[in-house]
């Protein structure tokens, strides 16, 4: 059964066709990687899925989450339907502590609503789960550090943790390992395997070693179109994909 279904999704801004009739299915508990050259439309597609539609853009097609349309919903409404995403540039609360970042992400999932008359520091259930998540992320030693003072890789890991903390069953990760060293990347791969267990994951990633280690299937986007979607083994052998994208990658390793 498809958790996330895209049917003929298109985006036009001015005279530019950014997305051209994209059809894509993310299955339950699947890890699907979306790859393609820069400018192919991958982040634009992520934005449409998560409700961040460009005001100047014209869109058409259907986006379904659990067979219900989310095409016209606001980002917060989509999040409450069970979809959470990370961004290319780390999107954490830079002036809050690490544990407070995770606590904020946990609130709605645990049934707490924003309230001006309850002390956040007294919400023991939230802080207990945040502490457990810090342990999983390997950030326990930094729990009281200001998030904006973390290293780049630590901020990326914190954002992945916040995405997971929302309790969503469908996760979108936009270039989760970009800019990381190989050691940091391997740590993040292990983390993604853990947090995506039992969930459905769609990720954009340029590091093909990460893609082939994590993905059950790979979708290839070129010029706003999906030109292939198959298992890693078949994508590696696909002549059209080789010409459009993978040939350049394999020539560099």
Protein backbone atom coordinates (compact mmCIF):
# COMPACT_ATOMS: atom_id res chain seq x y z
CA UNK A 1 0.00 0.00 0.00
CA UNK A 2 1.27 3.47 -0.90
CA UNK A 3 1.85 5.83 2.01
CA UNK A 4 2.68 8.76 -0.28
CA UNK A 5 1.39 8.94 -3.85
CA UNK A 6 2.17 11.60 -6.45
CA UNK A 7 0.04 11.66 -9.59
CA UNK A 8 1.03 13.91 -12.52
CA UNK A 9 2.46 16.58 -10.22
CA UNK A 10 3.62 19.65 -12.15
CA UNK A 11 5.02 23.04 -11.21
CA UNK A 12 5.43 26.01 -13.54
CA UNK A 13 6.94 29.32 -12.48
CA UNK A 14 6.58 31.97 -15.15
CA UNK A 15 7.59 30.29 -18.39
CA UNK A 16 9.76 27.67 -16.63
CA UNK A 17 8.52 24.11 -16.16
CA UNK A 18 10.13 23.01 -12.89
CA UNK A 19 8.24 19.71 -12.48
CA UNK A 20 6.66 17.88 -15.41
CA UNK A 21 4.00 15.33 -14.61
CA UNK A 22 5.78 13.51 -11.77
CA UNK A 23 4.34 10.10 -10.83
CA UNK A 24 5.86 8.50 -7.73
CA UNK A 25 4.79 5.99 -5.06
CA UNK A 26 6.36 5.59 -1.61
CA UNK A 27 5.37 2.25 -0.12
CA UNK A 28 4.79 1.47 3.56
CA UNK A 29 8.07 1.02 5.50
CA UNK A 30 10.10 1.67 2.33
CA UNK A 31 13.25 3.78 1.99
CA UNK A 32 13.08 5.53 -1.38
CA UNK A 33 15.94 7.76 -2.58
CA UNK A 34 15.33 10.57 -5.05
CA UNK A 35 18.48 11.40 -7.01
CA UNK A 36 19.38 13.58 -9.97
CA UNK A 37 21.64 16.45 -11.02
CA UNK A 38 21.43 19.91 -9.45
CA UNK A 39 18.44 21.81 -10.79
CA UNK A 40 16.47 18.66 -11.58
CA UNK A 41 13.56 19.76 -9.34
CA UNK A 42 14.10 17.51 -6.32
CA UNK A 43 13.84 20.19 -3.63
CA UNK A 44 10.92 21.81 -5.46
CA UNK A 45 9.13 18.47 -5.28
CA UNK A 46 9.87 18.20 -1.55
CA UNK A 47 8.46 21.69 -1.05
CA UNK A 48 5.22 20.81 -2.84
CA UNK A 49 4.81 17.59 -0.85
CA UNK A 50 5.30 19.39 2.46
CA UNK A 51 3.02 22.32 1.57
CA UNK A 52 5.66 24.95 0.87
CA UNK A 53 4.18 25.95 -2.49
CA UNK A 54 5.78 28.96 -4.22
CA UNK A 55 3.31 31.86 -4.40
CA UNK A 56 4.36 32.60 -7.99
CA UNK A 57 4.04 29.00 -9.10
CA UNK A 58 1.23 27.22 -10.89
CA UNK A 59 0.73 23.63 -9.76
CA UNK A 60 -1.41 20.73 -10.86
CA UNK A 61 -1.72 17.03 -10.10
CA UNK A 62 -2.46 15.17 -6.89
CA UNK A 63 -0.42 14.48 -3.75
CA UNK A 64 -1.95 11.82 -1.50
CA UNK A 65 -0.88 10.82 2.00
CA UNK A 66 -2.54 7.58 3.11
CA UNK A 67 -4.88 7.96 0.12
CA UNK A 68 -6.08 11.39 1.27
CA UNK A 69 -5.23 14.54 -0.66
CA UNK A 70 -2.81 16.95 1.01
CA UNK A 71 -2.32 19.12 -2.08
CA UNK A 72 -4.09 22.19 -0.64
CA UNK A 73 -3.06 21.87 3.01
CA UNK A 74 -0.72 24.18 4.93
CA UNK A 75 2.60 22.75 6.17
CA UNK A 76 1.37 22.43 9.78
CA UNK A 77 -1.76 20.59 8.63
CA UNK A 78 0.33 18.16 6.58
CA UNK A 79 2.60 17.60 9.59
CA UNK A 80 -0.44 16.71 11.69
CA UNK A 81 -1.43 14.15 9.05
CA UNK A 82 1.84 12.33 9.79
CA UNK A 83 4.48 13.74 7.42
CA UNK A 84 7.65 15.45 8.65
CA UNK A 85 10.66 16.77 6.73
CA UNK A 86 14.17 18.11 7.15
CA UNK A 87 15.81 20.77 4.98
CA UNK A 88 19.00 21.22 2.95
CA UNK A 89 20.08 23.97 5.36
CA UNK A 90 19.76 23.02 9.02
CA UNK A 91 16.47 24.33 10.38
CA UNK A 92 16.78 24.20 14.17
CA UNK A 93 15.93 26.75 16.87
CA UNK A 94 19.43 28.21 17.08
CA UNK A 95 18.84 30.17 20.32
CA UNK A 96 17.35 27.26 22.27
CA UNK A 97 19.24 24.44 23.95
CA UNK A 98 19.58 21.08 22.22
CA UNK A 99 17.15 19.39 24.62
CA UNK A 100 14.62 22.21 24.25
CA UNK A 101 14.75 21.80 20.45
CA UNK A 102 13.82 18.14 20.81
CA UNK A 103 11.22 18.91 23.48
CA UNK A 104 9.48 21.36 21.14
CA UNK A 105 9.40 18.71 18.41
CA UNK A 106 7.90 16.16 20.81
CA UNK A 107 5.10 18.33 22.20
CA UNK A 108 2.30 17.80 19.69
CA UNK A 109 3.05 14.10 19.26
CA UNK A 110 2.75 13.56 23.03
CA UNK A 111 -0.57 15.40 23.22
CA UNK A 112 0.72 18.67 24.66
CA UNK A 113 -0.55 21.90 23.12
CA UNK A 114 1.05 25.31 23.17
CA UNK A 115 0.00 27.12 26.32
CA UNK A 116 1.11 30.36 27.95
CA UNK A 117 0.05 29.29 31.45
CA UNK A 118 2.02 26.05 31.82
CA UNK A 119 5.73 25.99 32.61
CA UNK A 120 7.60 24.12 29.92
CA UNK A 121 10.26 23.07 32.43
CA UNK A 122 7.65 21.06 34.40
CA UNK A 123 6.66 18.79 31.49
CA UNK A 124 8.57 15.76 32.78
CA UNK A 125 7.27 13.32 30.16
CA UNK A 126 8.53 15.52 27.34
CA UNK A 127 11.96 16.01 28.88
CA UNK A 128 12.31 12.29 29.68
CA UNK A 129 11.63 11.31 26.06
CA UNK A 130 13.88 14.11 24.82
CA UNK A 131 16.69 12.74 26.98
CA UNK A 132 16.18 9.25 25.54
CA UNK A 133 16.28 10.67 22.02
CA UNK A 134 19.47 12.60 22.82
CA UNK A 135 21.07 9.29 23.78
CA UNK A 136 20.02 7.79 20.44
CA UNK A 137 21.41 10.79 18.56
CA UNK A 138 24.69 10.72 20.47
CA UNK A 139 24.12 14.29 21.70
CA UNK A 140 23.60 13.71 25.43
CA UNK A 141 26.80 15.57 26.30
CA UNK A 142 25.53 18.62 24.41
CA UNK A 143 21.99 18.62 25.82
CA UNK A 144 22.30 22.05 27.46
CA UNK A 145 24.35 23.60 24.66
CA UNK A 146 22.76 26.27 22.50
CA UNK A 147 21.83 24.58 19.21
CA UNK A 148 23.38 27.34 17.12
CA UNK A 149 26.75 26.59 18.70
CA UNK A 150 26.81 22.93 17.62
CA UNK A 151 29.03 21.81 14.78
CA UNK A 152 27.49 21.59 11.32
CA UNK A 153 27.18 17.79 11.47
CA UNK A 154 25.68 17.92 14.98
CA UNK A 155 23.03 20.40 13.82
CA UNK A 156 22.16 18.08 10.93
CA UNK A 157 21.82 15.15 13.33
CA UNK A 158 19.70 17.26 15.70
CA UNK A 159 17.36 18.18 12.85
CA UNK A 160 16.97 14.52 11.88
CA UNK A 161 16.13 13.83 15.52
CA UNK A 162 13.53 16.62 15.53
CA UNK A 163 11.98 15.22 12.35
CA UNK A 164 11.73 11.81 13.99
CA UNK A 165 10.45 13.28 17.28
CA UNK A 166 7.32 14.64 15.59
CA UNK A 167 5.93 11.10 15.54
CA UNK A 168 5.37 11.13 11.78
CA UNK A 169 5.03 7.86 9.91
CA UNK A 170 6.31 9.42 6.66
CA UNK A 171 9.73 11.13 6.75
CA UNK A 172 11.29 13.37 4.09
CA UNK A 173 15.02 14.04 4.46
CA UNK A 174 16.61 16.60 2.13
CA UNK A 175 20.34 15.85 1.67
CA UNK A 176 20.83 14.62 5.26
CA UNK A 177 24.59 13.93 4.87
CA UNK A 178 25.56 16.94 2.75
CA UNK A 179 28.83 18.52 3.89
CA UNK A 180 29.74 15.73 6.31
CA UNK A 181 33.02 13.86 6.59
CA UNK A 182 33.00 10.15 5.81
CA UNK A 183 32.99 9.26 9.51
CA UNK A 184 30.09 11.65 10.19
CA UNK A 185 28.27 10.25 7.17
CA UNK A 186 28.60 6.65 8.40
CA UNK A 187 27.23 7.70 11.79
CA UNK A 188 24.29 9.43 10.11
CA UNK A 189 23.55 6.41 7.91
CA UNK A 190 23.28 4.25 11.04
CA UNK A 191 21.02 6.86 12.66
CA UNK A 192 18.72 7.05 9.62
CA UNK A 193 18.43 3.26 9.57
CA UNK A 194 17.33 3.35 13.21
CA UNK A 195 14.87 6.26 13.11
CA UNK A 196 13.26 5.13 9.84
CA UNK A 197 12.56 1.60 11.07
CA UNK A 198 8.83 0.93 10.75
CA UNK A 199 8.34 4.23 8.88
CA UNK A 200 8.33 5.31 5.24
CA UNK A 201 11.28 7.41 4.11
CA UNK A 202 11.77 9.57 1.03
CA UNK A 203 15.17 11.21 0.86
CA UNK A 204 17.09 13.43 -1.54
CA UNK A 205 20.79 12.58 -1.46
CA UNK A 206 23.77 13.31 -3.71
CA UNK A 207 26.19 10.92 -2.00
CA UNK A 208 25.61 7.77 -4.02
CA UNK A 209 27.35 5.57 -1.46
CA UNK A 210 24.71 6.69 1.05
CA UNK A 211 21.96 6.04 -1.51
CA UNK A 212 23.11 2.52 -2.31
CA UNK A 213 23.58 1.68 1.38
CA UNK A 214 20.14 2.90 2.48
CA UNK A 215 17.63 2.78 -0.37
CA UNK A 216 15.22 -0.04 -1.14
CA UNK A 217 14.41 1.74 -4.40
CA UNK A 218 15.86 4.72 -6.25
CA UNK A 219 13.93 7.27 -8.32
CA UNK A 220 15.93 9.33 -10.81
CA UNK A 221 14.80 12.85 -11.70
CA UNK A 222 16.15 14.80 -14.68
CA UNK A 223 14.71 18.11 -15.93
CA UNK A 224 11.68 17.82 -13.66
CA UNK A 225 10.75 14.30 -14.76
CA UNK A 226 11.18 10.86 -13.20
CA UNK A 227 13.07 8.88 -15.85
CA UNK A 228 13.41 5.65 -13.82
CA UNK A 229 12.37 4.15 -10.47
CA UNK A 230 13.64 0.71 -9.49
CA UNK A 231 15.88 -1.29 -7.18
CA UNK A 232 19.47 -0.05 -6.71
CA UNK A 233 20.81 -2.97 -8.76
CA UNK A 234 18.57 -2.19 -11.74
CA UNK A 235 19.14 1.57 -11.50
CA UNK A 236 22.91 1.02 -11.58
CA UNK A 237 22.52 -0.96 -14.83
CA UNK A 238 19.98 1.38 -16.46
CA UNK A 239 21.56 2.85 -19.62
CA UNK A 240 19.41 6.01 -19.55
CA UNK A 241 20.31 6.67 -15.92
CA UNK A 242 23.99 5.98 -16.63
CA UNK A 243 23.99 8.61 -19.36
CA UNK A 244 22.02 11.19 -17.38
CA UNK A 245 23.59 10.87 -13.94
CA UNK A 246 25.36 7.77 -12.65
CA UNK A 247 28.08 7.78 -15.29
CA UNK A 248 29.48 11.00 -13.84
CA UNK A 249 29.34 9.60 -10.30
CA UNK A 250 31.07 6.32 -11.20
CA UNK A 251 33.80 8.20 -13.03
CA UNK A 252 34.68 10.00 -9.79
CA UNK A 253 35.05 6.97 -7.49
